[in-house]
């Protein structure tokens, strides 16, 4: 019986130790450091208090559909209440939209410019 208890205790200890690195990865923000809601990765967003993988992914998905014009617009994301925002408002910012959520016209490549006709080519017609 003591042997099986020892094995169970060892398995429990291993389970706790394997969960510890996940918590250690959440590096707190330094003084004056802010997270940009429009450009941060999920991992960077997870550095905010109260933000896990699910909430970080929801913020990224919402900003990919429509970038945040102001940081407080993050409250439109499910799970990001006004109370949560009040706790993190000094830690977040919303810069101009970059990358993924540009309007379609800006994201599409420009059409090639027509080549100007030379006087000789125009006279040949």
N, C-alpha and C. Protein backbone atom coordinates (compact mmCIF):
# COMPACT_ATOMS: atom_id res chain seq x y z
N UNK A 1 0.81 -1.19 0.00
CA UNK A 1 0.00 0.00 0.00
C UNK A 1 0.86 1.27 0.00
N UNK A 2 1.94 1.28 0.77
CA UNK A 2 2.77 2.48 0.83
C UNK A 2 3.39 2.77 -0.52
N UNK A 3 3.73 1.75 -1.26
CA UNK A 3 4.32 1.95 -2.58
C UNK A 3 3.36 2.63 -3.53
N UNK A 4 2.08 2.24 -3.51
CA UNK A 4 1.11 2.86 -4.41
C UNK A 4 0.82 4.30 -4.00
N UNK A 5 0.87 4.58 -2.70
CA UNK A 5 0.69 5.96 -2.23
C UNK A 5 1.85 6.83 -2.69
N UNK A 6 3.03 6.27 -2.63
CA UNK A 6 4.22 7.00 -3.05
C UNK A 6 4.16 7.31 -4.54
N UNK A 7 3.69 6.35 -5.33
CA UNK A 7 3.57 6.56 -6.77
C UNK A 7 2.52 7.63 -7.06
N UNK A 8 1.41 7.58 -6.35
CA UNK A 8 0.37 8.59 -6.52
C UNK A 8 0.87 9.97 -6.13
N UNK A 9 1.62 10.05 -5.05
CA UNK A 9 2.17 11.34 -4.62
C UNK A 9 3.15 11.86 -5.66
N UNK A 10 3.97 10.96 -6.19
CA UNK A 10 4.93 11.36 -7.22
C UNK A 10 4.22 11.84 -8.47
N UNK A 11 3.17 11.15 -8.88
CA UNK A 11 2.40 11.57 -10.06
C UNK A 11 1.74 12.93 -9.82
N UNK A 12 1.24 13.16 -8.64
CA UNK A 12 0.65 14.46 -8.31
C UNK A 12 1.67 15.58 -8.36
N UNK A 13 2.85 15.30 -7.84
CA UNK A 13 3.93 16.29 -7.86
C UNK A 13 4.36 16.59 -9.29
N UNK A 14 4.47 15.56 -10.11
CA UNK A 14 4.82 15.76 -11.52
C UNK A 14 3.77 16.59 -12.25
N UNK A 15 2.51 16.37 -11.95
CA UNK A 15 1.43 17.14 -12.58
C UNK A 15 1.55 18.61 -12.19
N UNK A 16 1.84 18.89 -10.93
CA UNK A 16 2.00 20.28 -10.50
C UNK A 16 3.21 20.93 -11.14
N UNK A 17 4.30 20.21 -11.24
CA UNK A 17 5.52 20.77 -11.83
C UNK A 17 5.36 21.02 -13.32
N UNK A 18 4.61 20.17 -14.00
CA UNK A 18 4.43 20.36 -15.44
C UNK A 18 3.51 21.55 -15.72
N UNK A 19 2.64 21.92 -14.79
CA UNK A 19 1.77 23.08 -14.97
C UNK A 19 2.49 24.38 -14.64
N UNK A 20 3.55 24.32 -13.86
CA UNK A 20 4.25 25.53 -13.43
C UNK A 20 4.86 26.33 -14.58
N UNK A 21 5.48 25.72 -15.60
CA UNK A 21 6.06 26.54 -16.68
C UNK A 21 5.03 27.40 -17.41
N UNK A 22 3.81 26.93 -17.53
CA UNK A 22 2.78 27.72 -18.21
C UNK A 22 2.53 29.03 -17.46
N UNK A 23 2.54 28.98 -16.16
CA UNK A 23 2.35 30.20 -15.37
C UNK A 23 3.59 31.08 -15.42
N UNK A 24 4.75 30.48 -15.47
CA UNK A 24 5.99 31.25 -15.46
C UNK A 24 6.17 32.06 -16.74
N UNK A 25 5.55 31.64 -17.84
CA UNK A 25 5.68 32.34 -19.11
C UNK A 25 4.98 33.69 -19.11
N UNK A 26 4.04 33.92 -18.23
CA UNK A 26 3.29 35.17 -18.20
C UNK A 26 4.15 36.24 -17.53
N UNK A 27 4.93 36.92 -18.34
CA UNK A 27 5.85 37.94 -17.86
C UNK A 27 5.07 39.23 -17.61
N UNK A 28 5.14 39.77 -16.40
CA UNK A 28 4.40 41.02 -16.12
C UNK A 28 4.96 42.20 -16.93
N UNK A 29 4.12 43.16 -17.16
CA UNK A 29 4.54 44.36 -17.90
C UNK A 29 5.46 45.21 -17.04
N UNK A 30 6.44 45.80 -17.69
CA UNK A 30 7.37 46.68 -16.99
C UNK A 30 6.74 48.05 -16.77
N UNK A 31 7.38 48.89 -15.98
CA UNK A 31 6.86 50.23 -15.74
C UNK A 31 6.77 51.02 -17.05
N UNK A 32 5.61 51.58 -17.31
CA UNK A 32 5.41 52.37 -18.53
C UNK A 32 5.18 51.55 -19.78
N UNK A 33 5.27 50.23 -19.67
CA UNK A 33 5.06 49.37 -20.85
C UNK A 33 3.57 49.22 -21.11
N UNK A 34 3.18 49.33 -22.39
CA UNK A 34 1.78 49.19 -22.76
C UNK A 34 1.66 48.18 -23.90
N UNK A 35 0.53 47.52 -23.97
CA UNK A 35 0.25 46.55 -25.01
C UNK A 35 -0.67 47.21 -26.04
N UNK A 36 -0.27 47.16 -27.31
CA UNK A 36 -1.08 47.72 -28.39
C UNK A 36 -2.11 46.67 -28.83
N UNK A 37 -3.38 46.97 -28.63
CA UNK A 37 -4.44 46.03 -28.95
C UNK A 37 -4.53 45.72 -30.44
N UNK A 38 -4.06 46.62 -31.30
CA UNK A 38 -4.16 46.42 -32.74
C UNK A 38 -2.98 45.67 -33.35
N UNK A 39 -1.91 45.47 -32.59
CA UNK A 39 -0.76 44.77 -33.17
C UNK A 39 -0.21 43.65 -32.30
N UNK A 40 -0.67 43.51 -31.08
CA UNK A 40 -0.15 42.49 -30.17
C UNK A 40 -0.57 41.09 -30.59
N UNK A 41 0.32 40.15 -30.36
CA UNK A 41 -0.01 38.74 -30.59
C UNK A 41 -0.83 38.23 -29.41
N UNK A 42 -1.40 37.04 -29.55
CA UNK A 42 -2.14 36.45 -28.43
C UNK A 42 -1.24 36.30 -27.21
N UNK A 43 0.00 35.88 -27.42
CA UNK A 43 0.93 35.71 -26.30
C UNK A 43 1.20 37.04 -25.59
N UNK A 44 1.33 38.11 -26.36
CA UNK A 44 1.55 39.43 -25.75
C UNK A 44 0.32 39.88 -24.98
N UNK A 45 -0.86 39.65 -25.53
CA UNK A 45 -2.10 40.04 -24.84
C UNK A 45 -2.27 39.26 -23.54
N UNK A 46 -1.76 38.04 -23.51
CA UNK A 46 -1.89 37.22 -22.31
C UNK A 46 -1.04 37.75 -21.15
N UNK A 47 -0.18 38.71 -21.39
CA UNK A 47 0.58 39.35 -20.32
C UNK A 47 -0.29 40.31 -19.50
N UNK A 48 -1.46 40.66 -20.04
CA UNK A 48 -2.37 41.56 -19.31
C UNK A 48 -3.07 40.79 -18.19
N UNK A 49 -3.35 41.44 -17.07
CA UNK A 49 -4.06 40.78 -15.98
C UNK A 49 -5.44 40.29 -16.44
N UNK A 50 -5.75 39.06 -16.08
CA UNK A 50 -7.06 38.51 -16.40
C UNK A 50 -7.23 38.04 -17.83
N UNK A 51 -6.14 37.98 -18.60
CA UNK A 51 -6.24 37.55 -20.00
C UNK A 51 -5.53 36.21 -20.17
N UNK A 52 -6.33 35.22 -20.53
CA UNK A 52 -5.78 33.90 -20.85
C UNK A 52 -5.84 33.70 -22.36
N UNK A 53 -5.59 32.50 -22.78
CA UNK A 53 -5.56 32.18 -24.21
C UNK A 53 -6.90 32.49 -24.89
N UNK A 54 -7.98 32.10 -24.27
CA UNK A 54 -9.31 32.28 -24.86
C UNK A 54 -9.64 33.77 -25.07
N UNK A 55 -9.41 34.58 -24.05
CA UNK A 55 -9.71 36.01 -24.16
C UNK A 55 -8.76 36.69 -25.14
N UNK A 56 -7.50 36.31 -25.13
CA UNK A 56 -6.52 36.89 -26.06
C UNK A 56 -6.92 36.57 -27.51
N UNK A 57 -7.31 35.34 -27.76
CA UNK A 57 -7.73 34.95 -29.11
C UNK A 57 -8.99 35.70 -29.53
N UNK A 58 -9.90 35.95 -28.59
CA UNK A 58 -11.12 36.70 -28.89
C UNK A 58 -10.79 38.15 -29.25
N UNK A 59 -9.81 38.74 -28.58
CA UNK A 59 -9.40 40.12 -28.88
C UNK A 59 -8.79 40.18 -30.28
N UNK A 60 -7.93 39.22 -30.60
CA UNK A 60 -7.30 39.18 -31.92
C UNK A 60 -8.35 39.00 -33.01
N UNK A 61 -9.31 38.10 -32.79
CA UNK A 61 -10.36 37.86 -33.79
C UNK A 61 -11.21 39.11 -34.00
N UNK A 62 -11.54 39.82 -32.92
CA UNK A 62 -12.36 41.03 -33.03
C UNK A 62 -11.61 42.13 -33.77
N UNK A 63 -10.33 42.30 -33.48
CA UNK A 63 -9.58 43.36 -34.14
C UNK A 63 -9.28 43.03 -35.59
N UNK A 64 -9.23 41.73 -35.93
CA UNK A 64 -9.04 41.35 -37.34
C UNK A 64 -10.27 41.70 -38.16
N UNK A 65 -11.45 41.63 -37.54
CA UNK A 65 -12.68 42.03 -38.23
C UNK A 65 -12.79 43.54 -38.32
N UNK A 66 -12.49 44.21 -37.22
CA UNK A 66 -12.59 45.67 -37.16
C UNK A 66 -11.60 46.19 -36.12
N UNK A 67 -10.52 46.84 -36.56
CA UNK A 67 -9.52 47.32 -35.62
C UNK A 67 -10.11 48.30 -34.60
N UNK A 68 -9.48 48.37 -33.46
CA UNK A 68 -9.91 49.27 -32.40
C UNK A 68 -9.43 50.69 -32.70
N UNK A 69 -10.35 51.65 -32.70
CA UNK A 69 -9.97 53.05 -32.90
C UNK A 69 -9.48 53.64 -31.58
N UNK A 70 -10.11 53.19 -30.48
CA UNK A 70 -9.72 53.62 -29.13
C UNK A 70 -9.61 52.35 -28.28
N UNK A 71 -8.74 52.39 -27.31
CA UNK A 71 -8.51 51.20 -26.47
C UNK A 71 -9.79 50.72 -25.77
N UNK A 72 -10.66 51.64 -25.38
CA UNK A 72 -11.87 51.21 -24.66
C UNK A 72 -12.83 50.40 -25.53
N UNK A 73 -12.64 50.42 -26.84
CA UNK A 73 -13.49 49.61 -27.72
C UNK A 73 -13.28 48.12 -27.51
N UNK A 74 -12.24 47.74 -26.78
CA UNK A 74 -12.01 46.33 -26.49
C UNK A 74 -13.18 45.74 -25.70
N UNK A 75 -13.97 46.58 -25.07
CA UNK A 75 -15.12 46.09 -24.29
C UNK A 75 -16.21 45.49 -25.18
N UNK A 76 -16.11 45.67 -26.50
CA UNK A 76 -17.08 45.02 -27.40
C UNK A 76 -16.79 43.53 -27.55
N UNK A 77 -15.62 43.10 -27.08
CA UNK A 77 -15.22 41.69 -27.16
C UNK A 77 -15.85 40.93 -26.01
N UNK A 78 -16.44 39.79 -26.32
CA UNK A 78 -17.05 38.97 -25.28
C UNK A 78 -15.99 38.59 -24.25
N UNK A 79 -16.30 38.82 -22.98
CA UNK A 79 -15.37 38.51 -21.91
C UNK A 79 -14.54 39.70 -21.46
N UNK A 80 -14.61 40.80 -22.18
CA UNK A 80 -13.85 42.01 -21.82
C UNK A 80 -14.84 43.07 -21.33
N UNK A 81 -15.17 42.99 -20.07
CA UNK A 81 -16.17 43.89 -19.50
C UNK A 81 -15.59 45.26 -19.21
N UNK A 82 -16.46 46.21 -18.92
CA UNK A 82 -16.03 47.55 -18.55
C UNK A 82 -15.22 47.50 -17.25
N UNK A 83 -15.57 46.61 -16.34
CA UNK A 83 -14.82 46.45 -15.09
C UNK A 83 -13.41 45.95 -15.34
N UNK A 84 -13.27 44.97 -16.25
CA UNK A 84 -11.94 44.47 -16.61
C UNK A 84 -11.14 45.59 -17.27
N UNK A 85 -11.77 46.33 -18.17
CA UNK A 85 -11.07 47.41 -18.86
C UNK A 85 -10.58 48.46 -17.87
N UNK A 86 -11.37 48.75 -16.86
CA UNK A 86 -10.97 49.75 -15.85
C UNK A 86 -9.66 49.33 -15.16
N UNK A 87 -9.45 48.02 -15.02
CA UNK A 87 -8.23 47.52 -14.38
C UNK A 87 -7.01 47.60 -15.30
N UNK A 88 -7.24 47.50 -16.62
CA UNK A 88 -6.10 47.42 -17.55
C UNK A 88 -5.94 48.66 -18.42
N UNK A 89 -6.78 49.67 -18.26
CA UNK A 89 -6.75 50.80 -19.20
C UNK A 89 -5.40 51.53 -19.24
N UNK A 90 -4.66 51.51 -18.16
CA UNK A 90 -3.33 52.12 -18.17
C UNK A 90 -2.26 51.25 -18.82
N UNK A 91 -2.64 50.02 -19.16
CA UNK A 91 -1.68 49.06 -19.72
C UNK A 91 -1.88 48.82 -21.21
N UNK A 92 -2.97 49.37 -21.78
CA UNK A 92 -3.27 49.11 -23.19
C UNK A 92 -3.38 50.40 -23.99
N UNK A 93 -3.17 50.27 -25.28
CA UNK A 93 -3.33 51.37 -26.21
C UNK A 93 -3.86 50.79 -27.52
N UNK A 94 -4.35 51.66 -28.39
CA UNK A 94 -4.83 51.22 -29.70
C UNK A 94 -4.25 52.16 -30.75
N UNK A 95 -3.20 51.70 -31.40
CA UNK A 95 -2.59 52.52 -32.45
C UNK A 95 -3.43 52.41 -33.71
N UNK A 96 -3.03 53.14 -34.74
CA UNK A 96 -3.75 53.03 -36.00
C UNK A 96 -3.73 51.59 -36.46
N UNK A 97 -4.78 51.21 -37.16
CA UNK A 97 -4.89 49.84 -37.64
C UNK A 97 -3.70 49.50 -38.52
N UNK A 98 -3.12 48.33 -38.25
CA UNK A 98 -2.01 47.87 -39.07
C UNK A 98 -2.28 46.45 -39.53
N UNK A 99 -1.87 46.16 -40.73
CA UNK A 99 -1.87 44.79 -41.20
C UNK A 99 -3.21 44.20 -41.54
N UNK A 100 -3.63 43.19 -40.79
CA UNK A 100 -4.69 42.28 -41.18
C UNK A 100 -6.03 42.91 -41.51
N UNK A 101 -6.44 43.93 -40.80
CA UNK A 101 -7.80 44.43 -40.96
C UNK A 101 -7.88 45.71 -41.78
N UNK A 102 -7.13 45.79 -42.84
CA UNK A 102 -7.20 46.98 -43.69
C UNK A 102 -8.44 46.90 -44.57
N UNK A 103 -8.98 48.04 -45.02
CA UNK A 103 -10.10 48.00 -45.95
C UNK A 103 -9.68 47.28 -47.23
N UNK A 104 -10.62 46.67 -47.92
CA UNK A 104 -10.33 45.87 -49.11
C UNK A 104 -9.59 46.67 -50.17
N UNK A 105 -9.95 47.93 -50.37
CA UNK A 105 -9.29 48.73 -51.40
C UNK A 105 -7.82 48.95 -51.07
N UNK A 106 -7.51 49.12 -49.81
CA UNK A 106 -6.12 49.33 -49.43
C UNK A 106 -5.32 48.04 -49.48
N UNK A 107 -5.98 46.91 -49.25
CA UNK A 107 -5.28 45.64 -49.22
C UNK A 107 -5.01 45.11 -50.63
N UNK A 108 -5.85 45.48 -51.60
CA UNK A 108 -5.68 44.98 -52.96
C UNK A 108 -4.53 45.71 -53.64
N UNK A 109 -3.78 44.98 -54.48
CA UNK A 109 -2.69 45.66 -55.19
C UNK A 109 -3.25 46.65 -56.20
N UNK A 110 -2.51 47.71 -56.42
CA UNK A 110 -2.95 48.76 -57.35
C UNK A 110 -2.88 48.23 -58.78
N UNK A 111 -3.81 48.69 -59.60
CA UNK A 111 -3.82 48.30 -61.01
C UNK A 111 -2.63 48.95 -61.70
N UNK A 112 -2.04 48.26 -62.69
CA UNK A 112 -0.90 48.85 -63.38
C UNK A 112 -1.31 50.12 -64.12
N UNK A 113 -0.40 51.09 -64.12
CA UNK A 113 -0.68 52.36 -64.79
C UNK A 113 -0.51 52.16 -66.30
N UNK A 114 -1.37 52.82 -67.09
CA UNK A 114 -1.23 52.69 -68.55
C UNK A 114 0.06 53.35 -69.02
N UNK A 115 0.65 52.74 -70.03
CA UNK A 115 1.89 53.28 -70.59
C UNK A 115 1.52 54.44 -71.50
N UNK A 116 2.15 55.61 -71.31
CA UNK A 116 1.82 56.76 -72.16
C UNK A 116 2.20 56.49 -73.62
N UNK A 117 1.33 56.93 -74.50
CA UNK A 117 1.57 56.73 -75.92
C UNK A 117 2.59 57.77 -76.41
N UNK A 118 3.45 57.34 -77.25
CA UNK A 118 4.41 58.28 -77.82
C UNK A 118 3.76 58.97 -79.02
N UNK A 119 4.29 60.08 -79.40
CA UNK A 119 3.74 60.82 -80.54
C UNK A 119 3.82 59.99 -81.81
N UNK A 120 4.89 59.19 -81.97
CA UNK A 120 5.05 58.36 -83.17
C UNK A 120 3.99 57.27 -83.21
N UNK A 121 3.70 56.64 -82.05
CA UNK A 121 2.70 55.59 -82.03
C UNK A 121 1.31 56.16 -82.29
N UNK A 122 1.04 57.33 -81.75
CA UNK A 122 -0.26 57.96 -81.98
C UNK A 122 -0.42 58.36 -83.42
N UNK A 123 0.65 58.82 -84.09
CA UNK A 123 0.59 59.25 -85.50
C UNK A 123 0.44 58.07 -86.44
N UNK A 124 0.92 56.88 -86.01
CA UNK A 124 0.84 55.70 -86.87
C UNK A 124 -0.58 55.20 -87.00
N UNK A 125 -1.47 55.56 -86.14
CA UNK A 125 -2.86 55.09 -86.20
C UNK A 125 -3.59 55.80 -87.23
